[in-house]
Amino acid sequence: QVAATHSNCIIKKEQETCLEKIRRATALNPLNDSSPGCPGMWDNITCWKPASVGEIVFVKCPALFRFIISEDGWEVDNLGQTHAGDYDLLESTAQSLLGDISRNCTEDGWSEPFPHYYDACGFDENETESDNQDYYYLSVKALYTVGYSTSLVSLTTAMVILCRFRKLHCTRNFIHMNLFVSFILRAISVFIKDGVLYAEQDGNHCFISTVECKAVMVFFHYCVMSNYFWLFIEGLYLFTLLVETFFPERRYFYWYTIIGWGTPTICVTVWAVLRLHFDDTGCWDMNDNTALWWVIKGPVVGSIMINFVLFIGIIVILVQKLQSPDIGGNESSIYFSCVQKCYCKPKRANQHSCKMSELSTITLRLARSTLLLIPLFGIHYTVFAFSPENVSKRERLVFELGLGSFQGFVVAVLYCFLNGEVQSEIKRKWRSWKVNRYFAVDFKHRHPSLASSGVNGGTQLSILSKSSSQIRMSSINAENLAT
């Protein structure tokens, strides 16, 4: 998850901090007729502390231009006044610090900032930086909205297909279905979060602190974390399938379910309790407390790293199996039929051999299978797994929110729509429906009196049932002879 902060929230947070500092500073050193001066102010860009007449105040280049909230700045405890006689010292100090801005407190009030913001901070007022940032965020939001919508539709369709056909009910597909559900919940949680946090465009979401809002964030983190763990389960199951010839799938599936849904429940619950007691600020969408955030981020990064190790192990096992003269026909061939069927040509009934001339083909197909495994196991998340949240924020947003939103669609296509078993079952149902429809129409034309009679409806149904059964048996026999 990207812990990004919109520019409006940065400005709102800076403004709130500034007003609080001004309030405390004014309480310590109130201005009156005996000691006139300039009150502290927020000029919509940076904060200026209260000052006496003739005082020159220096501040650093506002952090919002860099989209990093800096911890540097003036504090109430160090509000030593700067008199006009100290100007030379402050000027030399300012010259050594690039990007400082000053204002002079005069009898008429604050002077204009010198140098101007666009001179000191490299900000060109002719460029609509804020508009560009808003356009960037809106573009990313539009991208991941399309991605999650596409994933939601495709995953729902895949779930209906896997639930509809009984022949597809097995441990492997049950794991796929749980992964689909985790992607569906993740997409739904993103839409709910956006609807709650960003319903208003004036930045009020930065300070929302309601139970409903916090519950939405807890649900969002749970869905995201569950999605990562079911990606981990997919890798663990495939690795176990390749390593062990026989293993109790039902018992393993029981533990897979506990890991996939139970572990995120525990982690998110612990995080919510700690957040409630130690960092109960806002809507829990800002993760300023790094230690608390690692309660969720730690297990996620751990699952990604373990999945990466499993990914390397699976590739090594595949290479060994493909170079072996005896390639087993276990269930793992379902995953990599495009690999195992095409690497080696059978010479005998139970023997396969690979020629050295086919090495380039093997390499190409292995690369293709590797590229298929990467989105399925979420290995691409290792790119930003250990990088700080504020590093490469733009790239992280596009990568995780933009491209990551289409991951559910890719998984649905690879695990369902391109699955040979699913395609065969759909074709069989389609042929059966066409046969039944053909005989229903044919019977209606040949026996209009029976078709329109309610008395002989049972006879009509029995005839259709017998005819369709005979056609189905003949089609099955024909398929068996063909194979």
Protein backbone atom coordinates (compact mmCIF):
# COMPACT_ATOMS: atom_id res chain seq x y z
CA GLN A 1 0.00 0.00 0.00
CA VAL A 2 1.20 3.47 -0.82
CA ALA A 3 1.08 5.84 2.09
CA ALA A 4 0.84 8.92 -0.09
CA THR A 5 -0.39 12.31 1.09
CA HIS A 6 -2.23 14.64 -1.22
CA SER A 7 -0.95 18.21 -1.52
CA ASN A 8 -4.18 19.57 -0.02
CA CYS A 9 -3.61 17.46 3.09
CA ILE A 10 -0.03 18.70 3.36
CA ILE A 11 -1.22 22.31 3.22
CA LYS A 12 -4.01 21.64 5.71
CA LYS A 13 -1.65 19.93 8.10
CA GLU A 14 0.93 22.71 7.82
CA GLN A 15 -1.78 25.31 8.39
CA GLU A 16 -3.10 23.54 11.48
CA THR A 17 0.42 23.23 12.92
CA CYS A 18 1.16 26.87 12.14
CA LEU A 19 -1.97 28.21 13.82
CA GLU A 20 -1.26 26.14 16.91
CA LYS A 21 2.31 27.47 17.10
CA ILE A 22 1.08 31.04 16.66
CA ARG A 23 -1.47 30.58 19.43
CA ARG A 24 1.14 29.26 21.84
CA ALA A 25 3.68 31.94 20.85
CA THR A 26 1.15 34.73 21.31
CA ALA A 27 0.26 33.37 24.74
CA LEU A 28 3.92 33.45 25.79
CA ASN A 29 4.78 36.87 24.31
CA PRO A 30 1.59 38.88 23.74
CA LEU A 31 1.83 42.01 21.60
CA ASN A 32 0.58 45.31 23.07
CA ASP A 33 1.07 49.06 22.77
CA SER A 34 4.28 48.96 24.79
CA SER A 35 5.78 46.29 22.54
CA PRO A 36 4.19 46.64 19.11
CA GLY A 37 4.89 44.18 16.38
CA CYS A 38 3.49 41.94 13.68
CA PRO A 39 1.21 39.04 14.63
CA GLY A 40 2.00 35.57 13.44
CA MET A 41 0.32 34.56 10.23
CA TRP A 42 -0.20 31.77 7.72
CA ASP A 43 0.15 33.13 4.18
CA ASN A 44 -1.23 29.96 2.54
CA ILE A 45 2.33 28.83 1.81
CA THR A 46 4.36 28.94 5.00
CA CYS A 47 4.19 30.00 8.63
CA TRP A 48 5.48 33.27 10.07
CA LYS A 49 5.98 33.65 13.82
CA PRO A 50 5.06 36.84 15.71
CA ALA A 51 7.76 39.50 15.48
CA SER A 52 8.58 42.93 16.86
CA VAL A 53 8.87 46.04 14.73
CA GLY A 54 12.23 46.05 12.97
CA GLU A 55 12.68 42.31 13.31
CA ILE A 56 13.58 40.27 10.24
CA VAL A 57 12.34 36.69 10.23
CA PHE A 58 13.88 33.98 8.09
CA VAL A 59 12.14 30.73 7.18
CA LYS A 60 13.23 27.85 5.01
CA CYS A 61 11.75 27.11 1.63
CA PRO A 62 8.25 25.67 2.25
CA ALA A 63 8.26 21.91 2.36
CA LEU A 64 5.06 21.56 0.35
CA PHE A 65 7.01 22.33 -2.82
CA ARG A 66 8.89 19.08 -2.27
CA PHE A 67 5.84 17.23 -0.91
CA ILE A 68 7.84 16.25 2.16
CA ILE A 69 6.70 17.52 5.54
CA SER A 70 9.92 18.72 7.11
CA GLU A 71 10.55 18.56 10.82
CA ASP A 72 12.77 21.65 10.66
CA GLY A 73 11.28 25.00 11.63
CA TRP A 74 10.86 27.39 14.49
CA GLU A 75 9.59 26.11 17.81
CA VAL A 76 7.78 27.93 20.60
CA ASP A 77 10.50 27.03 23.07
CA ASN A 78 13.08 28.83 20.91
CA LEU A 79 11.23 32.03 20.15
CA GLY A 80 14.18 34.30 20.81
CA GLN A 81 13.48 37.61 19.18
CA THR A 82 15.78 38.88 16.47
CA HIS A 83 16.50 42.57 16.64
CA ALA A 84 17.61 44.87 13.87
CA GLY A 85 21.16 44.89 15.16
CA ASP A 86 21.45 41.20 14.50
CA TYR A 87 20.64 41.58 10.81
CA ASP A 88 24.21 41.20 9.56
CA LEU A 89 24.64 37.90 11.36
CA LEU A 90 21.31 36.58 10.11
CA GLU A 91 22.05 37.76 6.58
CA SER A 92 25.33 35.87 6.50
CA THR A 93 23.57 32.83 7.89
CA ALA A 94 20.83 33.13 5.29
CA GLN A 95 23.36 33.37 2.49
CA SER A 96 24.88 30.08 3.59
CA LEU A 97 21.48 28.39 3.51
CA LEU A 98 20.02 28.02 0.06
CA GLY A 99 16.29 28.63 -0.20
CA ASP A 100 15.71 30.91 2.81
CA ILE A 101 12.98 33.54 2.65
CA SER A 102 12.67 36.63 4.84
CA ARG A 103 10.02 39.13 5.86
CA ASN A 104 10.59 42.42 7.67
CA CYS A 105 8.20 43.49 10.41
CA THR A 106 7.52 47.21 9.90
CA GLU A 107 5.19 49.66 11.56
CA ASP A 108 2.76 49.10 8.69
CA GLY A 109 2.91 45.32 9.10
CA TRP A 110 4.71 42.54 7.31
CA SER A 111 6.70 43.33 4.20
CA GLU A 112 6.57 41.22 1.07
CA PRO A 113 8.68 38.03 1.19
CA PHE A 114 12.25 38.43 -0.05
CA PRO A 115 13.31 36.79 -2.22
CA HIS A 116 10.03 35.72 -3.72
CA TYR A 117 8.96 32.11 -3.33
CA TYR A 118 9.54 31.26 -6.98
CA ASP A 119 13.06 32.71 -6.78
CA ALA A 120 14.08 31.05 -3.52
CA CYS A 121 12.42 27.69 -4.06
CA GLY A 122 12.66 27.26 -7.80
CA PHE A 123 8.94 27.75 -8.14
CA ASP A 124 7.71 29.44 -11.29
CA GLU A 125 4.41 31.16 -10.65
CA ASN A 126 3.65 30.95 -14.35
CA GLU A 127 3.51 27.17 -13.95
CA THR A 128 0.35 25.88 -12.31
CA GLU A 129 2.11 23.39 -10.08
CA SER A 130 -0.97 22.76 -7.96
CA ASP A 131 -3.08 22.15 -11.04
CA ASN A 132 -0.45 19.76 -12.38
CA GLN A 133 -0.43 17.84 -9.11
CA ASP A 134 -4.21 17.67 -9.06
CA TYR A 135 -4.22 16.46 -12.65
CA TYR A 136 -1.62 13.82 -11.77
CA TYR A 137 -3.63 12.49 -8.83
CA LEU A 138 -6.85 12.52 -10.85
CA SER A 139 -5.10 10.60 -13.64
CA VAL A 140 -3.83 7.97 -11.20
CA LYS A 141 -7.27 7.71 -9.62
CA ALA A 142 -8.91 7.28 -13.02
CA LEU A 143 -6.35 4.61 -13.91
CA TYR A 144 -6.86 2.50 -10.81
CA THR A 145 -10.64 3.01 -10.95
CA VAL A 146 -10.68 1.48 -14.42
CA GLY A 147 -8.28 -1.24 -13.27
CA TYR A 148 -10.25 -2.25 -10.19
CA SER A 149 -13.54 -2.08 -12.10
CA THR A 150 -12.15 -4.36 -14.81
CA SER A 151 -10.76 -6.73 -12.20
CA LEU A 152 -14.04 -6.72 -10.28
CA VAL A 153 -16.11 -7.68 -13.32
CA SER A 154 -13.68 -10.35 -14.54
CA LEU A 155 -13.18 -11.86 -11.06
CA THR A 156 -16.92 -11.99 -10.41
CA THR A 157 -17.43 -13.75 -13.75
CA ALA A 158 -14.64 -16.20 -12.91
CA MET A 159 -16.18 -16.90 -9.50
CA VAL A 160 -19.56 -17.65 -11.09
CA ILE A 161 -17.94 -20.05 -13.55
CA LEU A 162 -15.96 -21.94 -10.91
CA CYS A 163 -18.99 -22.16 -8.60
CA ARG A 164 -21.39 -23.15 -11.37
CA PHE A 165 -19.58 -26.25 -12.65
CA ARG A 166 -19.26 -29.07 -10.12
CA LYS A 167 -16.49 -30.77 -12.07
CA LEU A 168 -14.28 -27.78 -11.33
CA HIS A 169 -14.68 -28.16 -7.56
CA CYS A 170 -11.28 -29.25 -6.23
CA THR A 171 -8.67 -28.00 -3.78
CA ARG A 172 -6.73 -26.17 -6.47
CA ASN A 173 -9.76 -24.22 -7.66
CA PHE A 174 -10.93 -23.59 -4.10
CA ILE A 175 -7.63 -21.80 -3.50
CA HIS A 176 -8.15 -19.85 -6.71
CA MET A 177 -11.64 -18.89 -5.57
CA ASN A 178 -10.34 -17.59 -2.25
CA LEU A 179 -7.74 -15.56 -4.14
CA PHE A 180 -10.52 -14.18 -6.36
CA VAL A 181 -12.55 -13.23 -3.29
CA SER A 182 -9.55 -11.42 -1.79
CA PHE A 183 -9.10 -9.42 -5.01
CA ILE A 184 -12.84 -8.63 -5.10
CA LEU A 185 -12.78 -7.44 -1.48
CA ARG A 186 -9.71 -5.35 -2.19
CA ALA A 187 -11.40 -3.60 -5.11
CA ILE A 188 -14.57 -3.00 -3.09
CA SER A 189 -12.59 -1.63 -0.14
CA VAL A 190 -10.76 0.82 -2.42
CA PHE A 191 -14.05 2.16 -3.77
CA ILE A 192 -15.52 2.44 -0.26
CA LYS A 193 -12.41 4.20 1.03
CA ASP A 194 -12.45 6.70 -1.83
CA GLY A 195 -16.15 7.32 -1.28
CA VAL A 196 -15.65 8.04 2.43
CA LEU A 197 -12.36 9.96 2.37
CA TYR A 198 -12.52 11.84 -0.90
CA ALA A 199 -16.20 12.60 -1.28
CA GLU A 200 -15.38 16.29 -0.76
CA GLN A 201 -12.67 18.04 -2.73
CA ASP A 202 -11.92 20.82 -0.23
CA GLY A 203 -9.48 18.84 1.86
CA ASN A 204 -11.84 18.23 4.80
CA HIS A 205 -11.04 14.52 4.56
CA CYS A 206 -7.63 15.31 6.03
CA PHE A 207 -9.18 15.79 9.47
CA ILE A 208 -12.05 13.31 9.45
CA SER A 209 -12.00 11.35 12.69
CA THR A 210 -15.18 9.28 12.93
CA VAL A 211 -15.75 5.68 13.94
CA GLU A 212 -17.17 4.89 10.51
CA CYS A 213 -14.12 6.32 8.75
CA LYS A 214 -11.72 4.37 10.96
CA ALA A 215 -13.74 1.19 10.43
CA VAL A 216 -13.45 1.69 6.67
CA MET A 217 -9.67 1.99 6.98
CA VAL A 218 -9.50 -1.17 9.12
CA PHE A 219 -11.56 -3.02 6.51
CA PHE A 220 -9.35 -1.65 3.74
CA HIS A 221 -6.12 -2.78 5.42
CA TYR A 222 -7.63 -6.20 6.12
CA CYS A 223 -8.63 -6.70 2.47
CA VAL A 224 -5.23 -5.60 1.17
CA MET A 225 -3.39 -7.81 3.64
CA SER A 226 -5.62 -10.82 2.89
CA ASN A 227 -4.91 -10.36 -0.80
CA TYR A 228 -1.15 -10.52 -0.20
CA PHE A 229 -1.50 -13.62 1.94
CA TRP A 230 -3.62 -15.48 -0.62
CA LEU A 231 -1.00 -14.67 -3.24
CA PHE A 232 1.44 -16.26 -0.81
CA ILE A 233 -0.87 -19.30 -0.46
CA GLU A 234 -0.89 -19.74 -4.24
CA GLY A 235 2.89 -19.88 -4.29
CA LEU A 236 3.05 -22.18 -1.27
CA TYR A 237 0.49 -24.58 -2.75
CA LEU A 238 2.23 -24.79 -6.11
CA PHE A 239 5.61 -25.31 -4.45
CA THR A 240 4.16 -28.10 -2.29
CA LEU A 241 2.51 -29.61 -5.36
CA LEU A 242 5.82 -29.76 -7.19
CA VAL A 243 7.85 -31.05 -4.24
CA GLU A 244 5.47 -33.66 -2.82
CA THR A 245 3.89 -36.31 -5.00
CA PHE A 246 1.09 -37.14 -2.59
CA PHE A 247 -0.17 -34.96 0.23
CA PRO A 248 -3.54 -34.56 2.03
CA GLU A 249 -4.97 -31.61 0.14
CA ARG A 250 -8.03 -31.19 2.34
CA ARG A 251 -5.98 -30.92 5.50
CA TYR A 252 -3.57 -28.54 3.78
CA PHE A 253 -6.49 -26.45 2.54
CA TYR A 254 -7.71 -26.12 6.13
CA TRP A 255 -4.38 -24.58 7.16
CA TYR A 256 -4.27 -22.49 3.99
CA THR A 257 -7.62 -20.96 4.95
CA ILE A 258 -6.38 -20.16 8.45
CA ILE A 259 -3.24 -18.51 7.09
CA GLY A 260 -5.05 -16.63 4.31
CA TRP A 261 -7.88 -15.15 6.37
CA GLY A 262 -6.78 -15.65 9.98
CA THR A 263 -3.34 -14.05 9.94
CA PRO A 264 -4.59 -10.73 8.48
CA THR A 265 -7.38 -10.71 11.06
CA ILE A 266 -4.88 -10.97 13.92
CA CYS A 267 -2.45 -8.41 12.48
CA VAL A 268 -5.10 -5.81 11.61
CA THR A 269 -6.79 -6.25 15.01
CA VAL A 270 -3.48 -5.68 16.81
CA TRP A 271 -2.77 -2.65 14.63
CA ALA A 272 -6.22 -1.17 15.29
CA VAL A 273 -5.88 -1.61 19.07
CA LEU A 274 -2.40 -0.04 19.09
CA ARG A 275 -3.54 2.77 16.84
CA LEU A 276 -6.51 3.45 19.10
CA HIS A 277 -4.33 3.75 22.20
CA PHE A 278 -1.15 5.37 20.86
CA ASP A 279 -1.96 7.23 17.62
CA ASP A 280 -5.68 7.93 17.48
CA THR A 281 -5.48 10.86 15.07
CA GLY A 282 -7.47 11.56 11.94
CA CYS A 283 -9.03 8.74 9.99
CA TRP A 284 -6.05 6.40 10.40
CA ASP A 285 -5.16 6.93 6.75
CA MET A 286 -1.87 8.67 7.62
CA ASN A 287 0.90 6.40 8.90
CA ASP A 288 3.23 8.83 10.64
CA ASN A 289 4.08 6.31 13.38
CA THR A 290 6.43 3.93 11.58
CA ALA A 291 6.55 1.39 14.41
CA LEU A 292 2.78 0.89 14.38
CA TRP A 293 2.66 0.74 10.60
CA TRP A 294 5.12 -2.16 10.56
CA VAL A 295 2.54 -4.30 12.39
CA ILE A 296 0.82 -4.49 9.01
CA LYS A 297 3.69 -3.81 6.65
CA GLY A 298 6.02 -6.36 8.30
CA PRO A 299 3.88 -9.47 7.62
CA VAL A 300 3.11 -8.22 4.11
CA VAL A 301 6.79 -7.73 3.29
CA GLY A 302 7.53 -11.12 4.86
CA SER A 303 4.93 -12.84 2.67
CA ILE A 304 6.36 -11.13 -0.42
CA MET A 305 9.88 -12.22 0.43
CA ILE A 306 8.84 -15.83 1.13
CA ASN A 307 6.88 -15.86 -2.10
CA PHE A 308 9.97 -14.63 -3.90
CA VAL A 309 11.99 -17.53 -2.45
CA LEU A 310 9.23 -19.96 -3.46
CA PHE A 311 9.22 -18.40 -6.91
CA ILE A 312 12.95 -19.06 -7.32
CA GLY A 313 12.48 -22.61 -6.01
CA ILE A 314 9.64 -23.28 -8.44
CA ILE A 315 11.71 -22.08 -11.39
CA VAL A 316 14.61 -24.35 -10.32
CA ILE A 317 12.27 -27.34 -9.95
CA LEU A 318 10.71 -26.68 -13.35
CA VAL A 319 14.11 -26.55 -15.02
CA GLN A 320 15.08 -29.83 -13.36
CA LYS A 321 11.81 -31.49 -14.35
CA LEU A 322 12.02 -30.27 -17.92
CA GLN A 323 15.56 -31.60 -18.29
CA SER A 324 14.65 -34.90 -16.65
CA PRO A 325 14.01 -37.90 -18.95
CA ASP A 326 10.91 -38.78 -16.95
CA ILE A 327 8.44 -35.97 -16.46
CA GLY A 328 5.64 -36.90 -14.16
CA GLY A 329 2.06 -36.37 -15.11
CA ASN A 330 0.87 -35.06 -11.77
CA GLU A 331 -1.45 -32.14 -11.17
CA SER A 332 1.29 -29.59 -11.63
CA SER A 333 0.98 -30.08 -15.38
CA ILE A 334 -2.30 -28.22 -15.14
CA TYR A 335 -0.44 -25.06 -14.18
CA PHE A 336 2.32 -25.36 -16.73
CA SER A 337 0.79 -27.31 -19.57
CA CYS A 338 2.19 -24.73 -21.93
CA VAL A 339 5.63 -25.60 -20.55
CA GLN A 340 5.56 -29.33 -19.96
CA LYS A 341 3.71 -30.26 -23.16
CA CYS A 342 5.95 -28.28 -25.48
CA TYR A 343 9.44 -28.70 -24.09
CA CYS A 344 10.00 -32.31 -25.06
CA LYS A 345 8.50 -34.55 -27.70
CA PRO A 346 7.50 -38.06 -26.55
CA LYS A 347 9.38 -40.94 -28.12
CA ARG A 348 7.73 -43.69 -26.11
CA ALA A 349 4.63 -44.11 -24.05
CA ASN A 350 6.21 -43.10 -20.74
CA GLN A 351 9.45 -41.45 -21.80
CA HIS A 352 10.38 -37.92 -22.82
CA SER A 353 13.72 -36.58 -23.93
CA CYS A 354 15.00 -33.12 -24.75
CA LYS A 355 17.44 -32.42 -27.55
CA MET A 356 20.17 -29.85 -27.26
CA SER A 357 18.78 -28.16 -30.37
CA GLU A 358 15.62 -27.37 -28.39
CA LEU A 359 17.53 -25.48 -25.68
CA SER A 360 16.57 -22.08 -27.05
CA THR A 361 12.92 -23.11 -27.20
CA ILE A 362 13.10 -24.32 -23.60
CA THR A 363 14.64 -21.04 -22.51
CA LEU A 364 11.96 -19.04 -24.31
CA ARG A 365 9.11 -21.05 -22.83
CA LEU A 366 10.66 -20.98 -19.39
CA ALA A 367 10.88 -17.21 -19.64
CA ARG A 368 7.22 -17.11 -20.62
CA SER A 369 6.19 -19.26 -17.67
CA THR A 370 8.31 -17.06 -15.39
CA LEU A 371 6.52 -13.95 -16.61
CA LEU A 372 3.21 -15.67 -15.89
CA LEU A 373 4.29 -16.54 -12.37
CA ILE A 374 5.37 -13.00 -11.50
CA PRO A 375 1.88 -11.39 -11.48
CA LEU A 376 0.29 -14.50 -9.99
CA PHE A 377 2.52 -14.46 -6.93
CA GLY A 378 2.89 -10.69 -6.62
CA ILE A 379 6.66 -10.93 -7.06
CA HIS A 380 6.68 -7.51 -8.74
CA TYR A 381 5.95 -5.92 -5.36
CA THR A 382 9.51 -6.69 -4.29
CA VAL A 383 10.58 -3.63 -6.30
CA PHE A 384 9.27 -1.28 -3.58
CA ALA A 385 9.07 -3.70 -0.65
CA PHE A 386 11.91 -2.16 1.37
CA SER A 387 12.05 1.35 -0.05
CA PRO A 388 10.90 4.21 2.21
CA GLU A 389 7.37 5.48 1.72
CA ASN A 390 8.51 8.92 0.54
CA VAL A 391 11.02 7.64 -2.04
CA SER A 392 9.89 7.45 -5.68
CA LYS A 393 6.38 8.32 -4.61
CA ARG A 394 5.12 9.04 -8.12
CA GLU A 395 6.49 5.78 -9.49
CA ARG A 396 5.11 3.91 -6.48
CA LEU A 397 1.65 5.37 -7.03
CA VAL A 398 1.56 4.41 -10.70
CA PHE A 399 3.06 0.99 -10.02
CA GLU A 400 1.01 -0.13 -7.03
CA LEU A 401 -2.26 1.72 -7.59
CA GLY A 402 -2.28 1.91 -11.38
CA LEU A 403 -0.75 -1.31 -12.63
CA GLY A 404 -1.54 -3.26 -9.45
CA SER A 405 -5.25 -2.61 -9.92
CA PHE A 406 -5.22 -4.76 -13.08
CA GLN A 407 -3.61 -7.71 -11.28
CA GLY A 408 -7.01 -9.19 -10.44
CA PHE A 409 -7.95 -9.14 -14.11
CA VAL A 410 -4.69 -10.89 -15.04
CA VAL A 411 -5.23 -13.54 -12.37
CA ALA A 412 -8.81 -14.17 -13.53
CA VAL A 413 -7.66 -14.59 -17.12
CA LEU A 414 -4.77 -16.94 -16.30
CA TYR A 415 -6.47 -19.01 -13.61
CA CYS A 416 -9.95 -19.23 -15.16
CA PHE A 417 -10.53 -17.97 -18.68
CA LEU A 418 -7.38 -19.60 -20.14
CA ASN A 419 -7.70 -22.75 -18.02
CA GLY A 420 -8.16 -25.81 -20.23
CA GLU A 421 -10.54 -27.51 -17.79
CA VAL A 422 -12.76 -24.44 -17.63
CA GLN A 423 -12.83 -24.07 -21.40
CA SER A 424 -13.69 -27.75 -21.89
CA GLU A 425 -16.51 -27.58 -19.36
CA ILE A 426 -17.96 -24.43 -20.92
CA LYS A 427 -17.78 -26.00 -24.40
CA ARG A 428 -19.50 -29.15 -23.10
CA LYS A 429 -22.31 -27.12 -21.54
CA TRP A 430 -22.63 -25.06 -24.70
CA ARG A 431 -22.93 -28.17 -26.89
CA SER A 432 -25.48 -29.66 -24.49
CA TRP A 433 -27.54 -26.48 -24.55
CA LYS A 434 -27.47 -26.36 -28.35
CA VAL A 435 -28.54 -30.01 -28.62
CA ASN A 436 -31.40 -29.55 -26.16
CA ARG A 437 -32.51 -26.40 -27.93
CA TYR A 438 -32.36 -28.12 -31.31
CA PHE A 439 -34.50 -31.05 -30.20
CA ALA A 440 -36.93 -28.76 -28.41
CA VAL A 441 -37.48 -26.71 -31.57
CA ASP A 442 -37.57 -29.82 -33.77
CA PHE A 443 -40.10 -31.55 -31.52
CA LYS A 444 -42.27 -28.44 -31.47
CA HIS A 445 -42.41 -28.35 -35.29
CA ARG A 446 -43.06 -32.07 -35.67
CA HIS A 447 -45.63 -32.39 -32.86
CA PRO A 448 -47.35 -29.03 -32.47
CA SER A 449 -50.34 -30.55 -30.69
CA LEU A 450 -48.18 -32.18 -28.03
CA ALA A 451 -46.01 -29.11 -27.64
CA SER A 452 -49.05 -26.89 -26.99
CA SER A 453 -50.87 -29.42 -24.80
CA GLY A 454 -50.54 -29.07 -21.07
CA VAL A 455 -51.86 -32.61 -20.52
CA ASN A 456 -49.02 -34.31 -22.35
CA GLY A 457 -46.32 -32.04 -20.98
CA GLY A 458 -44.79 -34.90 -19.01
CA THR A 459 -44.54 -37.04 -22.14
CA GLN A 460 -42.89 -34.20 -24.00
CA LEU A 461 -40.31 -33.68 -21.26
CA SER A 462 -39.53 -37.38 -21.06
CA ILE A 463 -39.00 -37.58 -24.81
CA LEU A 464 -36.71 -34.57 -24.74
CA SER A 465 -34.82 -36.00 -21.80
CA LYS A 466 -34.27 -39.32 -23.53
CA SER A 467 -33.22 -37.66 -26.77
CA SER A 468 -30.78 -35.29 -25.10
CA SER A 469 -29.32 -38.14 -23.04
CA GLN A 470 -28.74 -40.22 -26.16
CA ILE A 471 -27.12 -37.30 -27.96
CA ARG A 472 -24.96 -36.52 -24.92
CA MET A 473 -23.78 -40.15 -24.68
CA SER A 474 -23.01 -40.26 -28.38
CA SER A 475 -21.02 -37.01 -28.17
CA ILE A 476 -19.04 -38.31 -25.20
CA ASN A 477 -18.26 -41.56 -27.04
CA ALA A 478 -17.14 -39.58 -30.05
CA GLU A 479 -14.83 -37.47 -27.90
CA ASN A 480 -13.35 -40.58 -26.30
CA LEU A 481 -12.70 -42.14 -29.69
CA ALA A 482 -11.11 -38.92 -30.89
CA THR A 483 -8.73 -38.76 -27.93
